[in-house]
Amino acid sequence: AQLVESGGGLVQPGGSLRLSCAASGFTFRSFAMRWYRQAPGKERELVAHIYSNGGETNYANSVKGRFTVSRDNAKNTAYLQMNSLKPEDTAVYYCNCPTISAWGQGTQVTVSS
């Protein structure tokens, strides 16, 4: 199983980014997916969760109303749309399939003016 994140970068406060997580080596459509983030000196934090059919999602309170998790099972890809970004959103973002304990390598998101 392999997960590869992309889409990170440097963005100004108030800006937007969309992260992608391309999955391979397992039956993507059968499993829930998660996005985590880890800021320097802090523990890894669960940001968003999406069920296998995309019909139900959950978010950390810190991102609720600003971030949207989605998936395209035909493309074996999960997404994290991040709007109204704040400096405190700066972190390495990881995608994860909890059922098979697969992790991506992470993508850096930096929110700064």
N, C-alpha and C. Protein backbone atom coordinates (compact mmCIF):
# COMPACT_ATOMS: atom_id res chain seq x y z
N ALA A 1 0.84 -1.19 0.00
CA ALA A 1 0.00 0.00 0.00
C ALA A 1 0.88 1.25 0.00
N GLN A 2 0.45 2.24 -0.78
CA GLN A 2 1.22 3.49 -0.85
C GLN A 2 0.28 4.68 -0.90
N LEU A 3 0.64 5.73 -0.16
CA LEU A 3 -0.09 6.98 -0.18
C LEU A 3 0.90 8.10 -0.49
N VAL A 4 0.55 8.95 -1.43
CA VAL A 4 1.44 10.05 -1.83
C VAL A 4 0.66 11.36 -1.79
N GLU A 5 1.08 12.26 -0.90
CA GLU A 5 0.43 13.56 -0.78
C GLU A 5 1.08 14.56 -1.73
N SER A 6 0.30 15.54 -2.13
CA SER A 6 0.81 16.66 -2.93
C SER A 6 -0.09 17.87 -2.70
N GLY A 7 0.40 19.03 -3.14
CA GLY A 7 -0.42 20.23 -3.08
C GLY A 7 -0.05 21.21 -1.99
N GLY A 8 0.92 20.87 -1.15
CA GLY A 8 1.34 21.80 -0.12
C GLY A 8 2.11 22.97 -0.70
N GLY A 9 2.42 23.94 0.17
CA GLY A 9 3.17 25.10 -0.28
C GLY A 9 3.06 26.24 0.69
N LEU A 10 3.50 27.41 0.23
CA LEU A 10 3.44 28.64 1.02
C LEU A 10 2.24 29.46 0.57
N VAL A 11 1.43 29.90 1.52
CA VAL A 11 0.24 30.67 1.20
C VAL A 11 0.07 31.77 2.26
N GLN A 12 -0.50 32.88 1.85
CA GLN A 12 -0.74 33.97 2.78
C GLN A 12 -1.94 33.68 3.66
N PRO A 13 -2.00 34.28 4.84
CA PRO A 13 -3.20 34.11 5.67
C PRO A 13 -4.45 34.51 4.90
N GLY A 14 -5.48 33.71 5.08
CA GLY A 14 -6.72 33.92 4.34
C GLY A 14 -6.79 33.20 3.02
N GLY A 15 -5.68 32.63 2.59
CA GLY A 15 -5.63 31.94 1.31
C GLY A 15 -6.14 30.51 1.39
N SER A 16 -6.02 29.81 0.25
CA SER A 16 -6.53 28.45 0.13
C SER A 16 -5.49 27.54 -0.50
N LEU A 17 -5.58 26.28 -0.15
CA LEU A 17 -4.80 25.23 -0.78
C LEU A 17 -5.68 23.99 -0.86
N ARG A 18 -5.39 23.14 -1.86
CA ARG A 18 -6.03 21.83 -1.91
C ARG A 18 -4.95 20.76 -1.92
N LEU A 19 -5.00 19.90 -0.93
CA LEU A 19 -4.08 18.77 -0.85
C LEU A 19 -4.72 17.56 -1.50
N SER A 20 -3.87 16.74 -2.12
CA SER A 20 -4.31 15.49 -2.71
C SER A 20 -3.54 14.33 -2.09
N CYS A 21 -4.18 13.18 -2.04
CA CYS A 21 -3.55 11.96 -1.54
C CYS A 21 -3.87 10.85 -2.52
N ALA A 22 -2.88 10.46 -3.30
CA ALA A 22 -3.05 9.39 -4.29
C ALA A 22 -2.73 8.05 -3.66
N ALA A 23 -3.67 7.13 -3.75
CA ALA A 23 -3.52 5.81 -3.12
C ALA A 23 -3.28 4.74 -4.16
N SER A 24 -2.50 3.74 -3.78
CA SER A 24 -2.28 2.59 -4.65
C SER A 24 -1.95 1.37 -3.80
N GLY A 25 -2.15 0.20 -4.38
CA GLY A 25 -1.77 -1.03 -3.69
C GLY A 25 -2.80 -1.60 -2.75
N PHE A 26 -3.98 -0.99 -2.68
CA PHE A 26 -5.05 -1.53 -1.85
C PHE A 26 -6.38 -1.04 -2.43
N THR A 27 -7.47 -1.60 -1.94
CA THR A 27 -8.80 -1.28 -2.47
C THR A 27 -9.29 0.00 -1.80
N PHE A 28 -8.88 1.11 -2.38
CA PHE A 28 -9.12 2.43 -1.79
C PHE A 28 -10.59 2.65 -1.44
N ARG A 29 -11.48 2.26 -2.32
CA ARG A 29 -12.90 2.57 -2.15
C ARG A 29 -13.51 1.86 -0.94
N SER A 30 -12.81 0.86 -0.39
CA SER A 30 -13.36 0.09 0.72
C SER A 30 -13.04 0.65 2.09
N PHE A 31 -12.17 1.65 2.14
CA PHE A 31 -11.65 2.08 3.44
C PHE A 31 -11.83 3.56 3.70
N ALA A 32 -12.07 3.88 4.97
CA ALA A 32 -12.05 5.27 5.40
C ALA A 32 -10.64 5.84 5.25
N MET A 33 -10.59 7.17 5.14
CA MET A 33 -9.31 7.86 5.04
C MET A 33 -9.29 9.03 6.02
N ARG A 34 -8.10 9.40 6.43
CA ARG A 34 -7.92 10.50 7.37
C ARG A 34 -6.81 11.44 6.90
N TRP A 35 -6.92 12.68 7.33
CA TRP A 35 -5.85 13.66 7.20
C TRP A 35 -5.41 14.05 8.61
N TYR A 36 -4.09 14.04 8.83
CA TYR A 36 -3.48 14.48 10.06
C TYR A 36 -2.54 15.65 9.74
N ARG A 37 -2.14 16.34 10.78
CA ARG A 37 -1.09 17.34 10.62
C ARG A 37 -0.20 17.35 11.86
N GLN A 38 1.03 17.78 11.66
CA GLN A 38 1.97 17.88 12.76
C GLN A 38 2.80 19.15 12.61
N ALA A 39 2.63 20.04 13.57
CA ALA A 39 3.41 21.27 13.61
C ALA A 39 4.69 21.03 14.41
N PRO A 40 5.71 21.84 14.19
CA PRO A 40 6.98 21.66 14.91
C PRO A 40 6.76 21.69 16.42
N GLY A 41 7.29 20.69 17.10
CA GLY A 41 7.20 20.65 18.55
C GLY A 41 5.86 20.21 19.10
N LYS A 42 4.94 19.82 18.22
CA LYS A 42 3.60 19.41 18.65
C LYS A 42 3.31 17.98 18.23
N GLU A 43 2.32 17.39 18.88
CA GLU A 43 1.91 16.04 18.53
C GLU A 43 1.10 16.05 17.23
N ARG A 44 1.11 14.90 16.57
CA ARG A 44 0.30 14.77 15.36
C ARG A 44 -1.17 14.88 15.72
N GLU A 45 -1.92 15.64 14.93
CA GLU A 45 -3.32 15.96 15.22
C GLU A 45 -4.22 15.45 14.09
N LEU A 46 -5.29 14.78 14.45
CA LEU A 46 -6.28 14.36 13.45
C LEU A 46 -7.06 15.58 12.99
N VAL A 47 -7.09 15.80 11.70
CA VAL A 47 -7.75 16.98 11.12
C VAL A 47 -9.12 16.62 10.55
N ALA A 48 -9.17 15.53 9.78
CA ALA A 48 -10.43 15.19 9.10
C ALA A 48 -10.49 13.70 8.83
N HIS A 49 -11.72 13.19 8.78
CA HIS A 49 -11.97 11.78 8.53
C HIS A 49 -13.09 11.68 7.52
N ILE A 50 -12.96 10.76 6.57
CA ILE A 50 -14.02 10.54 5.59
C ILE A 50 -14.25 9.05 5.45
N TYR A 51 -15.51 8.64 5.47
CA TYR A 51 -15.85 7.23 5.36
C TYR A 51 -15.67 6.75 3.92
N SER A 52 -15.73 5.46 3.74
CA SER A 52 -15.34 4.86 2.47
C SER A 52 -16.17 5.36 1.29
N ASN A 53 -17.46 5.61 1.50
CA ASN A 53 -18.30 6.06 0.39
C ASN A 53 -18.37 7.58 0.31
N GLY A 54 -17.66 8.26 1.21
CA GLY A 54 -17.66 9.72 1.19
C GLY A 54 -18.90 10.36 1.77
N GLY A 55 -19.81 9.53 2.28
CA GLY A 55 -21.08 10.06 2.74
C GLY A 55 -21.05 10.70 4.11
N GLU A 56 -20.02 10.47 4.87
CA GLU A 56 -19.93 11.04 6.22
C GLU A 56 -18.51 11.50 6.47
N THR A 57 -18.41 12.68 7.08
CA THR A 57 -17.12 13.26 7.37
C THR A 57 -17.10 13.80 8.80
N ASN A 58 -15.91 13.92 9.36
CA ASN A 58 -15.73 14.50 10.68
C ASN A 58 -14.50 15.40 10.65
N TYR A 59 -14.54 16.44 11.48
CA TYR A 59 -13.45 17.42 11.49
C TYR A 59 -13.04 17.78 12.91
N ALA A 60 -11.77 18.15 13.04
CA ALA A 60 -11.32 18.76 14.29
C ALA A 60 -12.00 20.11 14.44
N ASN A 61 -12.27 20.50 15.67
CA ASN A 61 -12.93 21.79 15.90
C ASN A 61 -12.12 22.94 15.32
N SER A 62 -10.81 22.79 15.32
CA SER A 62 -9.95 23.88 14.88
C SER A 62 -10.07 24.17 13.38
N VAL A 63 -10.61 23.23 12.61
CA VAL A 63 -10.70 23.43 11.15
C VAL A 63 -12.14 23.40 10.65
N LYS A 64 -13.07 23.10 11.52
CA LYS A 64 -14.46 22.97 11.11
C LYS A 64 -14.95 24.27 10.47
N GLY A 65 -15.60 24.16 9.33
CA GLY A 65 -16.10 25.32 8.61
C GLY A 65 -15.09 25.93 7.65
N ARG A 66 -13.83 25.52 7.74
CA ARG A 66 -12.79 26.04 6.84
C ARG A 66 -12.21 24.96 5.93
N PHE A 67 -12.13 23.74 6.41
CA PHE A 67 -11.56 22.63 5.65
C PHE A 67 -12.68 21.69 5.20
N THR A 68 -12.49 21.10 4.03
CA THR A 68 -13.43 20.11 3.51
C THR A 68 -12.66 18.90 3.00
N VAL A 69 -12.99 17.73 3.52
CA VAL A 69 -12.38 16.49 3.05
C VAL A 69 -13.33 15.84 2.03
N SER A 70 -12.74 15.27 1.00
CA SER A 70 -13.53 14.59 -0.03
C SER A 70 -12.71 13.47 -0.63
N ARG A 71 -13.33 12.68 -1.49
CA ARG A 71 -12.62 11.61 -2.14
C ARG A 71 -13.24 11.31 -3.49
N ASP A 72 -12.43 10.79 -4.38
CA ASP A 72 -12.89 10.32 -5.68
C ASP A 72 -12.44 8.86 -5.78
N ASN A 73 -13.35 7.95 -5.52
CA ASN A 73 -12.99 6.53 -5.49
C ASN A 73 -12.61 6.01 -6.88
N ALA A 74 -13.08 6.67 -7.93
CA ALA A 74 -12.71 6.26 -9.29
C ALA A 74 -11.24 6.61 -9.58
N LYS A 75 -10.74 7.63 -8.89
CA LYS A 75 -9.35 8.06 -9.09
C LYS A 75 -8.42 7.62 -7.95
N ASN A 76 -8.97 6.88 -6.98
CA ASN A 76 -8.17 6.45 -5.83
C ASN A 76 -7.46 7.61 -5.15
N THR A 77 -8.19 8.70 -4.97
CA THR A 77 -7.58 9.91 -4.43
C THR A 77 -8.49 10.55 -3.39
N ALA A 78 -7.87 11.00 -2.31
CA ALA A 78 -8.55 11.79 -1.29
C ALA A 78 -8.04 13.23 -1.36
N TYR A 79 -8.87 14.14 -0.92
CA TYR A 79 -8.53 15.57 -1.01
C TYR A 79 -8.79 16.25 0.33
N LEU A 80 -8.08 17.35 0.54
CA LEU A 80 -8.37 18.22 1.67
C LEU A 80 -8.33 19.65 1.14
N GLN A 81 -9.50 20.25 1.01
CA GLN A 81 -9.62 21.64 0.60
C GLN A 81 -9.51 22.51 1.84
N MET A 82 -8.55 23.40 1.85
CA MET A 82 -8.30 24.24 3.02
C MET A 82 -8.51 25.71 2.63
N ASN A 83 -9.49 26.34 3.25
CA ASN A 83 -9.80 27.74 2.99
C ASN A 83 -9.57 28.57 4.25
N SER A 84 -9.51 29.87 4.08
CA SER A 84 -9.33 30.80 5.21
C SER A 84 -8.17 30.36 6.09
N LEU A 85 -7.06 30.05 5.47
CA LEU A 85 -5.92 29.51 6.21
C LEU A 85 -5.35 30.53 7.18
N LYS A 86 -4.88 30.00 8.30
CA LYS A 86 -4.31 30.82 9.38
C LYS A 86 -2.87 30.38 9.63
N PRO A 87 -2.06 31.25 10.21
CA PRO A 87 -0.67 30.84 10.51
C PRO A 87 -0.61 29.58 11.37
N GLU A 88 -1.57 29.39 12.24
CA GLU A 88 -1.57 28.20 13.09
C GLU A 88 -1.91 26.92 12.34
N ASP A 89 -2.27 27.02 11.07
CA ASP A 89 -2.46 25.83 10.24
C ASP A 89 -1.14 25.32 9.67
N THR A 90 -0.07 26.06 9.88
CA THR A 90 1.24 25.64 9.39
C THR A 90 1.64 24.31 10.01
N ALA A 91 1.95 23.34 9.16
CA ALA A 91 2.28 21.98 9.63
C ALA A 91 2.62 21.12 8.42
N VAL A 92 3.13 19.94 8.71
CA VAL A 92 3.22 18.90 7.70
C VAL A 92 1.90 18.12 7.75
N TYR A 93 1.28 17.96 6.60
CA TYR A 93 0.00 17.28 6.50
C TYR A 93 0.21 15.88 5.91
N TYR A 94 -0.43 14.91 6.57
CA TYR A 94 -0.29 13.52 6.19
C TYR A 94 -1.66 12.92 5.89
N CYS A 95 -1.73 12.06 4.89
CA CYS A 95 -2.93 11.25 4.74
C CYS A 95 -2.67 9.86 5.30
N ASN A 96 -3.74 9.22 5.70
CA ASN A 96 -3.64 7.96 6.43
C ASN A 96 -4.85 7.09 6.13
N CYS A 97 -4.60 5.81 5.96
CA CYS A 97 -5.69 4.84 5.93
C CYS A 97 -5.62 4.07 7.24
N PRO A 98 -6.51 4.34 8.18
CA PRO A 98 -6.36 3.76 9.51
C PRO A 98 -6.52 2.24 9.54
N THR A 99 -7.32 1.70 8.67
CA THR A 99 -7.59 0.26 8.72
C THR A 99 -6.34 -0.56 8.42
N ILE A 100 -5.53 -0.07 7.49
CA ILE A 100 -4.32 -0.80 7.10
C ILE A 100 -3.05 -0.11 7.59
N SER A 101 -3.23 0.94 8.40
CA SER A 101 -2.09 1.66 8.99
C SER A 101 -1.10 2.15 7.94
N ALA A 102 -1.62 2.67 6.85
CA ALA A 102 -0.76 3.23 5.80
C ALA A 102 -0.67 4.74 5.96
N TRP A 103 0.53 5.27 5.74
CA TRP A 103 0.77 6.71 5.86
C TRP A 103 1.50 7.21 4.62
N GLY A 104 1.22 8.45 4.27
CA GLY A 104 1.99 9.11 3.24
C GLY A 104 3.23 9.74 3.83
N GLN A 105 4.04 10.36 2.95
CA GLN A 105 5.30 10.96 3.40
C GLN A 105 5.10 12.36 3.96
N GLY A 106 3.93 12.94 3.70
CA GLY A 106 3.62 14.28 4.21
C GLY A 106 3.91 15.36 3.19
N THR A 107 3.18 16.46 3.32
CA THR A 107 3.40 17.64 2.48
C THR A 107 3.34 18.87 3.38
N GLN A 108 4.31 19.77 3.19
CA GLN A 108 4.43 20.94 4.05
C GLN A 108 3.46 22.02 3.62
N VAL A 109 2.73 22.55 4.59
CA VAL A 109 1.87 23.71 4.40
C VAL A 109 2.36 24.82 5.31
N THR A 110 2.69 25.96 4.73
CA THR A 110 3.16 27.10 5.49
C THR A 110 2.26 28.29 5.20
N VAL A 111 1.69 28.85 6.26
CA VAL A 111 0.80 30.00 6.13
C VAL A 111 1.51 31.20 6.76
N SER A 112 1.91 32.11 5.91
CA SER A 112 2.70 33.24 6.39
C SER A 112 2.61 34.39 5.40
N SER A 113 2.68 35.61 5.93
CA SER A 113 2.72 36.79 5.07
C SER A 113 4.15 37.20 4.79
